[in-house]
């Protein structure tokens, strides 16, 4: 019996592996939250943490339009030419990201 707890990014990877194309962040978040049974009262904080974790996880590629895909399905130029455009985020998502940056220390590779 495994005692390893699935992370939100692991759940996202599983969800995206079953899809054939990219997915908007809001829809991916909804599917991850449902899969992991995240309580409503923790949704806001967890969403910000999830977004940060996606940005740091090399399995994922941030695309224009706040869409995400698996990096292994994208060419080098697609991944490196499509910088995240904050104009594609709604005000609530930007606020949550800013708050998470203030309260959550960003882990670097040396932290692992």
C-alpha atoms as a PDB file:
ATOM      1  CA  UNK A   1       0.000   0.000   0.000  1.00  0.00           C
ATOM      2  CA  UNK A   2       1.395   3.384  -1.049  1.00  0.00           C
ATOM      3  CA  UNK A   3       1.411   6.227   1.449  1.00  0.00           C
ATOM      4  CA  UNK A   4       2.466   8.825  -1.114  1.00  0.00           C
ATOM      5  CA  UNK A   5      -0.065  11.608  -1.321  1.00  0.00           C
ATOM      6  CA  UNK A   6      -0.886  12.879  -4.802  1.00  0.00           C
ATOM      7  CA  UNK A   7      -0.025  16.537  -5.323  1.00  0.00           C
ATOM      8  CA  UNK A   8      -2.184  19.020  -7.183  1.00  0.00           C
ATOM      9  CA  UNK A   9       0.338  19.058 -10.036  1.00  0.00           C
ATOM     10  CA  UNK A  10       0.280  15.251 -10.189  1.00  0.00           C
ATOM     11  CA  UNK A  11      -3.515  15.417 -10.501  1.00  0.00           C
ATOM     12  CA  UNK A  12      -3.154  18.063 -13.222  1.00  0.00           C
ATOM     13  CA  UNK A  13      -0.654  15.877 -15.067  1.00  0.00           C
ATOM     14  CA  UNK A  14      -3.079  12.938 -14.978  1.00  0.00           C
ATOM     15  CA  UNK A  15      -5.946  15.117 -16.210  1.00  0.00           C
ATOM     16  CA  UNK A  16      -3.893  16.649 -18.994  1.00  0.00           C
ATOM     17  CA  UNK A  17      -2.460  13.278 -20.029  1.00  0.00           C
ATOM     18  CA  UNK A  18      -5.977  12.116 -20.841  1.00  0.00           C
ATOM     19  CA  UNK A  19      -6.630  15.208 -22.964  1.00  0.00           C
ATOM     20  CA  UNK A  20      -5.342  15.680 -26.480  1.00  0.00           C
ATOM     21  CA  UNK A  21      -4.916  19.460 -26.352  1.00  0.00           C
ATOM     22  CA  UNK A  22      -4.269  22.417 -24.075  1.00  0.00           C
ATOM     23  CA  UNK A  23      -6.672  23.531 -21.365  1.00  0.00           C
ATOM     24  CA  UNK A  24      -7.548  26.898 -19.859  1.00  0.00           C
ATOM     25  CA  UNK A  25      -6.255  27.369 -16.338  1.00  0.00           C
ATOM     26  CA  UNK A  26      -9.702  27.916 -14.809  1.00  0.00           C
ATOM     27  CA  UNK A  27     -11.011  24.641 -16.203  1.00  0.00           C
ATOM     28  CA  UNK A  28      -7.878  22.743 -15.181  1.00  0.00           C
ATOM     29  CA  UNK A  29      -8.216  24.177 -11.660  1.00  0.00           C
ATOM     30  CA  UNK A  30     -11.865  23.099 -11.454  1.00  0.00           C
ATOM     31  CA  UNK A  31     -10.965  19.550 -12.475  1.00  0.00           C
ATOM     32  CA  UNK A  32      -8.021  19.363 -10.054  1.00  0.00           C
ATOM     33  CA  UNK A  33     -10.109  20.746  -7.163  1.00  0.00           C
ATOM     34  CA  UNK A  34     -12.858  18.217  -7.878  1.00  0.00           C
ATOM     35  CA  UNK A  35     -10.407  15.321  -8.219  1.00  0.00           C
ATOM     36  CA  UNK A  36      -8.651  16.202  -4.968  1.00  0.00           C
ATOM     37  CA  UNK A  37     -11.888  17.065  -3.142  1.00  0.00           C
ATOM     38  CA  UNK A  38     -10.571  20.444  -2.006  1.00  0.00           C
ATOM     39  CA  UNK A  39     -12.985  22.038   0.491  1.00  0.00           C
ATOM     40  CA  UNK A  40     -14.625  25.292  -0.615  1.00  0.00           C
ATOM     41  CA  UNK A  41     -13.037  27.258   2.245  1.00  0.00           C
ATOM     42  CA  UNK A  42      -9.530  26.344   1.030  1.00  0.00           C
ATOM     43  CA  UNK A  43     -10.168  26.901  -2.689  1.00  0.00           C
ATOM     44  CA  UNK A  44      -8.822  30.447  -2.961  1.00  0.00           C
ATOM     45  CA  UNK A  45      -5.510  29.777  -1.209  1.00  0.00           C
ATOM     46  CA  UNK A  46      -5.003  26.413  -2.894  1.00  0.00           C
ATOM     47  CA  UNK A  47      -5.690  27.919  -6.330  1.00  0.00           C
ATOM     48  CA  UNK A  48      -2.842  30.399  -5.914  1.00  0.00           C
ATOM     49  CA  UNK A  49      -0.491  27.667  -4.684  1.00  0.00           C
ATOM     50  CA  UNK A  50      -1.523  25.440  -7.589  1.00  0.00           C
ATOM     51  CA  UNK A  51      -0.794  28.189 -10.115  1.00  0.00           C
ATOM     52  CA  UNK A  52       2.653  28.781  -8.631  1.00  0.00           C
ATOM     53  CA  UNK A  53       3.368  25.051  -8.591  1.00  0.00           C
ATOM     54  CA  UNK A  54       2.369  24.773 -12.269  1.00  0.00           C
ATOM     55  CA  UNK A  55       4.755  27.574 -13.163  1.00  0.00           C
ATOM     56  CA  UNK A  56       7.619  25.777 -11.438  1.00  0.00           C
ATOM     57  CA  UNK A  57       6.845  22.252 -12.629  1.00  0.00           C
ATOM     58  CA  UNK A  58       8.809  21.459 -15.792  1.00  0.00           C
ATOM     59  CA  UNK A  59       6.166  18.978 -16.971  1.00  0.00           C
ATOM     60  CA  UNK A  60       3.861  21.855 -17.897  1.00  0.00           C
ATOM     61  CA  UNK A  61       4.001  24.638 -20.468  1.00  0.00           C
ATOM     62  CA  UNK A  62       2.284  28.001 -19.998  1.00  0.00           C
ATOM     63  CA  UNK A  63       0.758  29.136 -23.282  1.00  0.00           C
ATOM     64  CA  UNK A  64      -0.855  32.355 -24.425  1.00  0.00           C
ATOM     65  CA  UNK A  65      -4.424  32.927 -23.349  1.00  0.00           C
ATOM     66  CA  UNK A  66      -3.713  31.463 -19.891  1.00  0.00           C
ATOM     67  CA  UNK A  67      -3.798  27.975 -21.342  1.00  0.00           C
ATOM     68  CA  UNK A  68      -1.628  25.101 -20.255  1.00  0.00           C
ATOM     69  CA  UNK A  69      -0.374  21.938 -21.886  1.00  0.00           C
ATOM     70  CA  UNK A  70       2.132  19.215 -21.223  1.00  0.00           C
ATOM     71  CA  UNK A  71       5.591  20.399 -22.172  1.00  0.00           C
ATOM     72  CA  UNK A  72       6.406  17.155 -23.978  1.00  0.00           C
ATOM     73  CA  UNK A  73       3.627  17.897 -26.498  1.00  0.00           C
ATOM     74  CA  UNK A  74       5.069  21.293 -27.392  1.00  0.00           C
ATOM     75  CA  UNK A  75       8.054  22.367 -29.438  1.00  0.00           C
ATOM     76  CA  UNK A  76      10.843  24.365 -27.852  1.00  0.00           C
ATOM     77  CA  UNK A  77       9.725  27.544 -29.652  1.00  0.00           C
ATOM     78  CA  UNK A  78       6.101  27.152 -28.582  1.00  0.00           C
ATOM     79  CA  UNK A  79       7.121  26.914 -24.948  1.00  0.00           C
ATOM     80  CA  UNK A  80       9.727  29.664 -24.975  1.00  0.00           C
ATOM     81  CA  UNK A  81       7.963  32.115 -27.293  1.00  0.00           C
ATOM     82  CA  UNK A  82       4.680  32.138 -25.400  1.00  0.00           C
ATOM     83  CA  UNK A  83       5.388  34.223 -22.315  1.00  0.00           C
ATOM     84  CA  UNK A  84       2.538  34.331 -19.834  1.00  0.00           C
ATOM     85  CA  UNK A  85       0.412  37.399 -20.499  1.00  0.00           C
ATOM     86  CA  UNK A  86      -1.047  38.788 -17.275  1.00  0.00           C
ATOM     87  CA  UNK A  87      -3.711  40.529 -19.370  1.00  0.00           C
ATOM     88  CA  UNK A  88      -5.248  37.077 -19.851  1.00  0.00           C
ATOM     89  CA  UNK A  89      -5.821  36.651 -16.111  1.00  0.00           C
ATOM     90  CA  UNK A  90      -8.846  38.085 -14.389  1.00  0.00           C
ATOM     91  CA  UNK A  91      -8.403  40.499 -11.465  1.00  0.00           C
ATOM     92  CA  UNK A  92      -9.114  37.812  -8.863  1.00  0.00           C
ATOM     93  CA  UNK A  93      -6.447  35.476 -10.292  1.00  0.00           C
ATOM     94  CA  UNK A  94      -3.837  38.264 -10.371  1.00  0.00           C
ATOM     95  CA  UNK A  95      -4.682  39.272  -6.789  1.00  0.00           C
ATOM     96  CA  UNK A  96      -4.399  35.672  -5.593  1.00  0.00           C
ATOM     97  CA  UNK A  97      -1.044  35.277  -7.314  1.00  0.00           C
ATOM     98  CA  UNK A  98       0.266  38.485  -5.778  1.00  0.00           C
ATOM     99  CA  UNK A  99      -0.937  37.446  -2.319  1.00  0.00           C
ATOM    100  CA  UNK A 100       0.632  34.013  -2.651  1.00  0.00           C
ATOM    101  CA  UNK A 101       3.957  35.601  -3.601  1.00  0.00           C
ATOM    102  CA  UNK A 102       3.820  37.721  -0.454  1.00  0.00           C
ATOM    103  CA  UNK A 103       2.997  34.840   1.901  1.00  0.00           C
ATOM    104  CA  UNK A 104       4.464  31.776   0.217  1.00  0.00           C
ATOM    105  CA  UNK A 105       8.230  31.521  -0.175  1.00  0.00           C
ATOM    106  CA  UNK A 106       9.140  30.384  -3.647  1.00  0.00           C
ATOM    107  CA  UNK A 107      11.096  27.158  -3.605  1.00  0.00           C
ATOM    108  CA  UNK A 108      14.144  26.850  -5.815  1.00  0.00           C
ATOM    109  CA  UNK A 109      15.813  23.694  -7.024  1.00  0.00           C
ATOM    110  CA  UNK A 110      18.237  23.946  -4.082  1.00  0.00           C
ATOM    111  CA  UNK A 111      15.287  23.572  -1.682  1.00  0.00           C
ATOM    112  CA  UNK A 112      14.478  20.095  -2.964  1.00  0.00           C
END
